């Protein structure tokens, strides 16, 4: 017999660890800018002043915000049930 509260906490912890792992992978992907693999990111995009690194940074911030919003929505839905 499993305590439902324990199962809830374990499920919530696993979900948070998965989100944190994805966050860390995306966060450290920005370090590509300082390696030879990130060399294409240093060039300007078309005729604009925006570089690939800046675009990557903006997209990562938006992805992080979206992931947190998704996580909070999943938590609130689970709490309502």
N, C-alpha and C. Protein backbone atom coordinates (compact mmCIF):
# COMPACT_ATOMS: atom_id res chain seq x y z
N UNK A 1 0.83 -1.19 0.00
CA UNK A 1 0.00 0.00 0.00
C UNK A 1 0.87 1.24 0.00
N UNK A 2 0.60 2.10 -0.91
CA UNK A 2 1.36 3.33 -1.02
C UNK A 2 0.50 4.49 -0.53
N UNK A 3 1.12 5.33 0.26
CA UNK A 3 0.44 6.52 0.75
C UNK A 3 0.24 7.48 -0.43
N UNK A 4 -0.97 7.96 -0.67
CA UNK A 4 -1.20 8.86 -1.81
C UNK A 4 -0.40 10.16 -1.72
N UNK A 5 -0.18 10.63 -0.52
CA UNK A 5 0.61 11.86 -0.38
C UNK A 5 2.06 11.63 -0.77
N UNK A 6 2.60 10.46 -0.41
CA UNK A 6 3.97 10.13 -0.80
C UNK A 6 4.08 9.99 -2.32
N UNK A 7 3.11 9.33 -2.92
CA UNK A 7 3.11 9.18 -4.38
C UNK A 7 3.03 10.55 -5.06
N UNK A 8 2.21 11.45 -4.51
CA UNK A 8 2.09 12.80 -5.06
C UNK A 8 3.42 13.55 -4.99
N UNK A 9 4.08 13.48 -3.85
CA UNK A 9 5.37 14.16 -3.67
C UNK A 9 6.43 13.56 -4.60
N UNK A 10 6.44 12.25 -4.74
CA UNK A 10 7.40 11.60 -5.62
C UNK A 10 7.15 12.00 -7.08
N UNK A 11 5.91 12.03 -7.49
CA UNK A 11 5.57 12.42 -8.86
C UNK A 11 5.97 13.88 -9.12
N UNK A 12 5.68 14.72 -8.14
CA UNK A 12 6.03 16.13 -8.26
C UNK A 12 7.54 16.32 -8.31
N UNK A 13 8.29 15.57 -7.52
CA UNK A 13 9.75 15.66 -7.50
C UNK A 13 10.34 15.17 -8.81
N UNK A 14 9.85 14.05 -9.33
CA UNK A 14 10.35 13.55 -10.62
C UNK A 14 10.11 14.55 -11.74
N UNK A 15 8.93 15.16 -11.73
CA UNK A 15 8.61 16.15 -12.76
C UNK A 15 9.53 17.35 -12.65
N UNK A 16 9.78 17.83 -11.44
CA UNK A 16 10.65 18.99 -11.25
C UNK A 16 12.08 18.66 -11.65
N UNK A 17 12.55 17.46 -11.33
CA UNK A 17 13.90 17.06 -11.73
C UNK A 17 14.03 16.99 -13.25
N UNK A 18 13.01 16.49 -13.92
CA UNK A 18 13.04 16.43 -15.39
C UNK A 18 13.09 17.84 -15.97
N UNK A 19 12.27 18.74 -15.46
CA UNK A 19 12.29 20.12 -15.93
C UNK A 19 13.64 20.77 -15.66
N UNK A 20 14.20 20.50 -14.48
CA UNK A 20 15.51 21.08 -14.14
C UNK A 20 16.61 20.55 -15.05
N UNK A 21 16.54 19.26 -15.37
CA UNK A 21 17.55 18.68 -16.26
C UNK A 21 17.49 19.31 -17.65
N UNK A 22 16.29 19.50 -18.17
CA UNK A 22 16.14 20.14 -19.48
C UNK A 22 16.64 21.58 -19.41
N UNK A 23 16.32 22.27 -18.31
CA UNK A 23 16.80 23.64 -18.11
C UNK A 23 18.33 23.69 -18.16
N UNK A 24 18.98 22.79 -17.44
CA UNK A 24 20.44 22.80 -17.40
C UNK A 24 21.05 22.50 -18.76
N UNK A 25 20.49 21.56 -19.48
CA UNK A 25 21.01 21.23 -20.81
C UNK A 25 20.90 22.45 -21.72
N UNK A 26 19.74 23.10 -21.70
CA UNK A 26 19.56 24.30 -22.54
C UNK A 26 20.46 25.44 -22.08
N UNK A 27 20.59 25.59 -20.78
CA UNK A 27 21.43 26.67 -20.24
C UNK A 27 22.88 26.49 -20.66
N UNK A 28 23.39 25.26 -20.54
CA UNK A 28 24.79 25.03 -20.91
C UNK A 28 24.99 24.97 -22.42
N UNK A 29 23.91 24.84 -23.18
CA UNK A 29 24.06 24.91 -24.63
C UNK A 29 24.53 26.29 -25.06
N UNK A 30 24.27 27.30 -24.23
CA UNK A 30 24.73 28.65 -24.56
C UNK A 30 26.25 28.73 -24.53
N UNK A 31 26.90 27.82 -23.82
CA UNK A 31 28.37 27.82 -23.79
C UNK A 31 28.96 27.44 -25.14
N UNK A 32 28.14 26.96 -26.06
CA UNK A 32 28.62 26.69 -27.42
C UNK A 32 29.18 27.95 -28.07
N UNK A 33 28.71 29.11 -27.62
CA UNK A 33 29.18 30.37 -28.20
C UNK A 33 30.68 30.56 -28.03
N UNK A 34 31.27 29.92 -27.04
CA UNK A 34 32.70 30.09 -26.77
C UNK A 34 33.53 28.88 -27.23
N UNK A 35 32.91 28.02 -28.02
CA UNK A 35 33.64 26.87 -28.55
C UNK A 35 33.68 26.95 -30.07
N UNK A 36 34.40 26.05 -30.67
CA UNK A 36 34.48 26.04 -32.13
C UNK A 36 33.14 25.65 -32.76
N UNK A 37 32.30 24.92 -32.03
CA UNK A 37 30.99 24.53 -32.55
C UNK A 37 30.06 25.73 -32.67
N UNK A 38 30.28 26.75 -31.86
CA UNK A 38 29.42 27.92 -31.89
C UNK A 38 29.88 29.02 -32.82
N UNK A 39 30.92 28.75 -33.59
CA UNK A 39 31.46 29.77 -34.49
C UNK A 39 30.42 30.30 -35.48
N UNK A 40 29.53 29.46 -36.03
CA UNK A 40 28.51 30.01 -36.93
C UNK A 40 27.54 30.98 -36.22
N UNK A 41 27.41 30.87 -34.91
CA UNK A 41 26.52 31.76 -34.17
C UNK A 41 27.06 33.18 -34.05
N UNK A 42 28.32 33.36 -34.32
CA UNK A 42 28.92 34.69 -34.15
C UNK A 42 28.67 35.61 -35.34
N UNK A 43 28.12 35.08 -36.40
CA UNK A 43 27.87 35.89 -37.60
C UNK A 43 26.52 36.58 -37.52
N UNK A 44 26.44 37.71 -38.21
CA UNK A 44 25.19 38.45 -38.27
C UNK A 44 24.18 37.70 -39.12
N UNK A 45 22.91 37.89 -38.78
CA UNK A 45 21.83 37.26 -39.54
C UNK A 45 21.34 38.24 -40.60
N UNK A 46 21.69 37.97 -41.81
CA UNK A 46 21.30 38.84 -42.91
C UNK A 46 21.96 40.20 -42.81
N UNK A 47 21.17 41.25 -43.01
CA UNK A 47 21.71 42.62 -42.97
C UNK A 47 21.45 43.27 -41.62
N UNK A 48 20.92 42.52 -40.65
CA UNK A 48 20.60 43.09 -39.34
C UNK A 48 21.85 43.10 -38.46
N UNK A 49 21.72 43.75 -37.31
CA UNK A 49 22.80 43.76 -36.33
C UNK A 49 22.71 42.58 -35.36
N UNK A 50 21.70 41.75 -35.55
CA UNK A 50 21.46 40.61 -34.66
C UNK A 50 22.38 39.46 -35.06
N UNK A 51 23.07 38.91 -34.06
CA UNK A 51 23.91 37.72 -34.31
C UNK A 51 23.16 36.47 -33.89
N UNK A 52 23.68 35.35 -34.30
CA UNK A 52 23.09 34.08 -33.90
C UNK A 52 23.13 33.88 -32.39
N UNK A 53 24.17 34.38 -31.74
CA UNK A 53 24.28 34.25 -30.28
C UNK A 53 23.18 35.03 -29.58
N UNK A 54 22.91 36.23 -30.05
CA UNK A 54 21.85 37.04 -29.45
C UNK A 54 20.49 36.39 -29.66
N UNK A 55 20.26 35.89 -30.85
CA UNK A 55 19.00 35.21 -31.13
C UNK A 55 18.86 33.96 -30.25
N UNK A 56 19.94 33.22 -30.09
CA UNK A 56 19.91 32.03 -29.24
C UNK A 56 19.59 32.42 -27.80
N UNK A 57 20.18 33.49 -27.31
CA UNK A 57 19.94 33.94 -25.94
C UNK A 57 18.46 34.31 -25.75
N UNK A 58 17.92 35.06 -26.69
CA UNK A 58 16.51 35.47 -26.61
C UNK A 58 15.59 34.26 -26.64
N UNK A 59 15.87 33.34 -27.54
CA UNK A 59 15.05 32.13 -27.63
C UNK A 59 15.15 31.29 -26.37
N UNK A 60 16.34 31.18 -25.79
CA UNK A 60 16.48 30.42 -24.54
C UNK A 60 15.67 31.05 -23.41
N UNK A 61 15.71 32.36 -23.30
CA UNK A 61 14.93 33.03 -22.26
C UNK A 61 13.45 32.76 -22.45
N UNK A 62 12.96 32.86 -23.68
CA UNK A 62 11.56 32.60 -23.96
C UNK A 62 11.19 31.14 -23.68
N UNK A 63 12.07 30.23 -24.02
CA UNK A 63 11.83 28.80 -23.75
C UNK A 63 11.78 28.56 -22.25
N UNK A 64 12.69 29.18 -21.49
CA UNK A 64 12.69 29.00 -20.04
C UNK A 64 11.39 29.52 -19.43
N UNK A 65 10.94 30.68 -19.87
CA UNK A 65 9.69 31.24 -19.36
C UNK A 65 8.52 30.32 -19.72
N UNK A 66 8.51 29.85 -20.94
CA UNK A 66 7.45 28.93 -21.37
C UNK A 66 7.45 27.63 -20.59
N UNK A 67 8.62 27.10 -20.33
CA UNK A 67 8.71 25.86 -19.56
C UNK A 67 8.20 26.05 -18.13
N UNK A 68 8.56 27.17 -17.51
CA UNK A 68 8.07 27.44 -16.16
C UNK A 68 6.57 27.62 -16.15
N UNK A 69 6.04 28.32 -17.16
CA UNK A 69 4.59 28.48 -17.26
C UNK A 69 3.91 27.12 -17.40
N UNK A 70 4.46 26.27 -18.26
CA UNK A 70 3.92 24.93 -18.45
C UNK A 70 3.97 24.13 -17.15
N UNK A 71 5.08 24.21 -16.45
CA UNK A 71 5.22 23.49 -15.18
C UNK A 71 4.18 23.98 -14.18
N UNK A 72 4.00 25.29 -14.07
CA UNK A 72 3.03 25.83 -13.13
C UNK A 72 1.60 25.44 -13.51
N UNK A 73 1.31 25.41 -14.80
CA UNK A 73 -0.02 24.98 -15.25
C UNK A 73 -0.27 23.51 -14.91
N UNK A 74 0.74 22.68 -15.09
CA UNK A 74 0.60 21.26 -14.76
C UNK A 74 0.39 21.09 -13.26
N UNK A 75 1.10 21.86 -12.47
CA UNK A 75 0.96 21.78 -11.02
C UNK A 75 -0.42 22.24 -10.57
N UNK A 76 -0.91 23.33 -11.13
CA UNK A 76 -2.22 23.84 -10.71
C UNK A 76 -3.33 22.87 -11.14
N UNK A 77 -3.18 22.26 -12.31
CA UNK A 77 -4.18 21.29 -12.76
C UNK A 77 -4.18 20.07 -11.85
N UNK A 78 -3.00 19.62 -11.44
CA UNK A 78 -2.90 18.46 -10.57
C UNK A 78 -3.43 18.77 -9.18
N UNK A 79 -3.22 19.99 -8.71
CA UNK A 79 -3.69 20.38 -7.39
C UNK A 79 -5.21 20.47 -7.36
N UNK A 80 -5.83 20.88 -8.46
CA UNK A 80 -7.28 20.98 -8.52
C UNK A 80 -7.95 19.63 -8.49
N UNK A 81 -7.28 18.61 -8.96
CA UNK A 81 -7.87 17.24 -9.01
C UNK A 81 -7.91 16.60 -7.68
